[in-house]
Amino acid sequence: MSGQFGFMKSIGASDEAVATLNDQPILFTILVVVLVGIIAQCLLIWYIHFATLKPEQRKKKEKKPAGRK
């Protein structure tokens, strides 16, 4: 089975899945957009968590003595 989404067969997609993607490529676009949106939301949540930490909640870096390497 060839076509625009023939590469999906090599990563484990069935013949029916490849045929569906070749027939309706908007499904692949929607999948990619949803995954990018979820990743963006996770990054935003992490940034809000990091930016709103109180100073006493942050890990302080330990200073090493100047004479030691």
N, C-alpha and C. Protein backbone atom coordinates (compact mmCIF):
# COMPACT_ATOMS: atom_id res chain seq x y z
N MET A 1 0.85 -1.17 0.00
CA MET A 1 0.00 0.00 0.00
C MET A 1 0.89 1.23 0.00
N SER A 2 0.74 2.06 -0.98
CA SER A 2 1.52 3.29 -1.04
C SER A 2 0.56 4.46 -0.90
N GLY A 3 1.07 5.61 -1.11
CA GLY A 3 0.26 6.81 -0.96
C GLY A 3 0.98 7.78 -0.06
N GLN A 4 0.30 8.82 0.27
CA GLN A 4 0.88 9.88 1.09
C GLN A 4 1.27 9.37 2.48
N PHE A 5 0.52 8.44 3.03
CA PHE A 5 0.78 7.95 4.38
C PHE A 5 1.28 6.51 4.39
N GLY A 6 1.95 6.10 3.33
CA GLY A 6 2.50 4.76 3.26
C GLY A 6 3.56 4.49 4.31
N PHE A 7 4.23 5.55 4.77
CA PHE A 7 5.26 5.39 5.80
C PHE A 7 4.69 4.90 7.13
N MET A 8 3.40 5.13 7.34
CA MET A 8 2.78 4.70 8.59
C MET A 8 2.75 3.18 8.71
N LYS A 9 2.76 2.49 7.58
CA LYS A 9 2.77 1.02 7.58
C LYS A 9 4.04 0.50 8.23
N SER A 10 5.16 1.20 8.01
CA SER A 10 6.44 0.74 8.57
C SER A 10 6.52 0.94 10.08
N ILE A 11 5.67 1.79 10.64
CA ILE A 11 5.69 1.98 12.10
C ILE A 11 4.54 1.25 12.78
N GLY A 12 3.86 0.37 12.04
CA GLY A 12 2.89 -0.50 12.68
C GLY A 12 1.44 -0.24 12.37
N ALA A 13 1.13 0.69 11.49
CA ALA A 13 -0.27 0.94 11.16
C ALA A 13 -0.81 -0.17 10.27
N SER A 14 -2.07 -0.48 10.44
CA SER A 14 -2.69 -1.53 9.63
C SER A 14 -3.01 -0.98 8.23
N ASP A 15 -3.34 -1.89 7.33
CA ASP A 15 -3.71 -1.48 5.97
C ASP A 15 -4.95 -0.59 5.99
N GLU A 16 -5.89 -0.91 6.87
CA GLU A 16 -7.11 -0.12 6.97
C GLU A 16 -6.82 1.30 7.47
N ALA A 17 -5.91 1.40 8.43
CA ALA A 17 -5.56 2.72 8.97
C ALA A 17 -4.87 3.57 7.91
N VAL A 18 -3.97 2.97 7.15
CA VAL A 18 -3.28 3.71 6.09
C VAL A 18 -4.27 4.12 5.01
N ALA A 19 -5.20 3.24 4.67
CA ALA A 19 -6.21 3.58 3.67
C ALA A 19 -7.10 4.73 4.15
N THR A 20 -7.44 4.72 5.44
CA THR A 20 -8.26 5.80 5.99
C THR A 20 -7.51 7.12 5.96
N LEU A 21 -6.23 7.10 6.33
CA LEU A 21 -5.44 8.33 6.30
C LEU A 21 -5.25 8.84 4.88
N ASN A 22 -5.07 7.94 3.93
CA ASN A 22 -4.94 8.37 2.53
C ASN A 22 -6.25 8.96 2.02
N ASP A 23 -7.38 8.44 2.51
CA ASP A 23 -8.69 8.94 2.09
C ASP A 23 -9.06 10.24 2.79
N GLN A 24 -8.71 10.35 4.08
CA GLN A 24 -9.07 11.53 4.88
C GLN A 24 -7.83 12.07 5.60
N PRO A 25 -6.96 12.78 4.91
CA PRO A 25 -5.72 13.26 5.54
C PRO A 25 -5.94 14.29 6.64
N ILE A 26 -7.14 14.86 6.72
CA ILE A 26 -7.41 15.84 7.78
C ILE A 26 -7.31 15.19 9.15
N LEU A 27 -7.54 13.87 9.24
CA LEU A 27 -7.43 13.18 10.53
C LEU A 27 -6.01 13.26 11.08
N PHE A 28 -5.02 13.11 10.21
CA PHE A 28 -3.62 13.20 10.64
C PHE A 28 -3.30 14.63 11.09
N THR A 29 -3.82 15.60 10.36
CA THR A 29 -3.61 17.00 10.73
C THR A 29 -4.22 17.30 12.10
N ILE A 30 -5.42 16.81 12.33
CA ILE A 30 -6.07 17.02 13.63
C ILE A 30 -5.26 16.36 14.74
N LEU A 31 -4.75 15.16 14.50
CA LEU A 31 -3.94 14.47 15.50
C LEU A 31 -2.71 15.29 15.86
N VAL A 32 -2.02 15.80 14.86
CA VAL A 32 -0.81 16.59 15.12
C VAL A 32 -1.16 17.87 15.87
N VAL A 33 -2.22 18.55 15.48
CA VAL A 33 -2.62 19.79 16.15
C VAL A 33 -3.00 19.53 17.60
N VAL A 34 -3.72 18.46 17.87
CA VAL A 34 -4.11 18.12 19.24
C VAL A 34 -2.88 17.81 20.08
N LEU A 35 -1.94 17.03 19.54
CA LEU A 35 -0.72 16.71 20.29
C LEU A 35 0.09 17.96 20.59
N VAL A 36 0.22 18.85 19.63
CA VAL A 36 0.96 20.10 19.86
C VAL A 36 0.25 20.94 20.92
N GLY A 37 -1.08 20.98 20.88
CA GLY A 37 -1.84 21.73 21.87
C GLY A 37 -1.67 21.18 23.27
N ILE A 38 -1.68 19.87 23.41
CA ILE A 38 -1.50 19.25 24.73
C ILE A 38 -0.10 19.53 25.26
N ILE A 39 0.91 19.44 24.41
CA ILE A 39 2.28 19.73 24.83
C ILE A 39 2.40 21.19 25.25
N ALA A 40 1.77 22.10 24.50
CA ALA A 40 1.82 23.52 24.85
C ALA A 40 1.15 23.78 26.19
N GLN A 41 0.03 23.11 26.45
CA GLN A 41 -0.64 23.28 27.74
C GLN A 41 0.22 22.76 28.89
N CYS A 42 0.88 21.64 28.68
CA CYS A 42 1.76 21.10 29.73
C CYS A 42 2.90 22.06 30.03
N LEU A 43 3.48 22.63 28.98
CA LEU A 43 4.56 23.60 29.19
C LEU A 43 4.06 24.85 29.92
N LEU A 44 2.86 25.31 29.57
CA LEU A 44 2.29 26.47 30.25
C LEU A 44 2.03 26.18 31.72
N ILE A 45 1.49 25.00 32.02
CA ILE A 45 1.24 24.62 33.41
C ILE A 45 2.55 24.54 34.18
N TRP A 46 3.59 23.95 33.58
CA TRP A 46 4.88 23.87 34.25
C TRP A 46 5.45 25.26 34.50
N TYR A 47 5.34 26.17 33.52
CA TYR A 47 5.87 27.52 33.69
C TYR A 47 5.13 28.26 34.80
N ILE A 48 3.82 28.15 34.83
CA ILE A 48 3.05 28.81 35.90
C ILE A 48 3.46 28.25 37.26
N HIS A 49 3.63 26.93 37.35
CA HIS A 49 4.06 26.32 38.60
C HIS A 49 5.43 26.85 39.01
N PHE A 50 6.36 26.90 38.07
CA PHE A 50 7.72 27.35 38.37
C PHE A 50 7.75 28.83 38.73
N ALA A 51 6.99 29.66 38.01
CA ALA A 51 7.02 31.10 38.23
C ALA A 51 6.35 31.51 39.53
N THR A 52 5.45 30.69 40.04
CA THR A 52 4.73 31.07 41.26
C THR A 52 5.27 30.40 42.51
N LEU A 53 6.41 29.74 42.42
CA LEU A 53 7.02 29.15 43.62
C LEU A 53 7.46 30.26 44.57
N LYS A 54 7.26 30.04 45.84
CA LYS A 54 7.75 30.98 46.84
C LYS A 54 9.26 30.78 46.98
N PRO A 55 9.97 31.81 47.40
CA PRO A 55 11.43 31.67 47.50
C PRO A 55 11.87 30.53 48.40
N GLU A 56 11.14 30.26 49.47
CA GLU A 56 11.55 29.18 50.37
C GLU A 56 11.25 27.80 49.79
N GLN A 57 10.46 27.73 48.73
CA GLN A 57 10.17 26.45 48.09
C GLN A 57 11.20 26.07 47.03
N ARG A 58 11.97 27.04 46.58
CA ARG A 58 12.95 26.77 45.54
C ARG A 58 14.19 26.12 46.13
N LYS A 59 14.78 25.23 45.37
CA LYS A 59 16.01 24.59 45.81
C LYS A 59 17.15 25.59 45.65
N LYS A 60 17.94 25.69 46.71
CA LYS A 60 19.07 26.60 46.65
C LYS A 60 20.30 25.83 46.22
N LYS A 61 21.10 26.45 45.38
CA LYS A 61 22.33 25.81 44.93
C LYS A 61 23.36 25.92 46.04
N GLU A 62 24.02 24.80 46.30
CA GLU A 62 25.04 24.79 47.34
C GLU A 62 26.33 25.38 46.77
N LYS A 63 26.92 26.30 47.53
CA LYS A 63 28.17 26.91 47.09
C LYS A 63 29.33 26.03 47.55
N LYS A 64 30.21 25.71 46.61
CA LYS A 64 31.38 24.89 46.93
C LYS A 64 32.50 25.81 47.40
N PRO A 65 33.34 25.31 48.29
CA PRO A 65 34.49 26.11 48.72
C PRO A 65 35.38 26.44 47.52
N ALA A 66 36.00 27.61 47.56
CA ALA A 66 36.79 28.09 46.42
C ALA A 66 38.04 27.25 46.19
N GLY A 67 38.60 26.65 47.23
CA GLY A 67 39.84 25.90 47.10
C GLY A 67 39.68 24.52 46.49
N ARG A 68 38.50 23.97 46.50
CA ARG A 68 38.29 22.60 46.00
C ARG A 68 37.75 22.62 44.58
N LYS A 69 38.08 21.55 43.86
CA LYS A 69 37.57 21.44 42.49
C LYS A 69 36.55 20.35 42.40
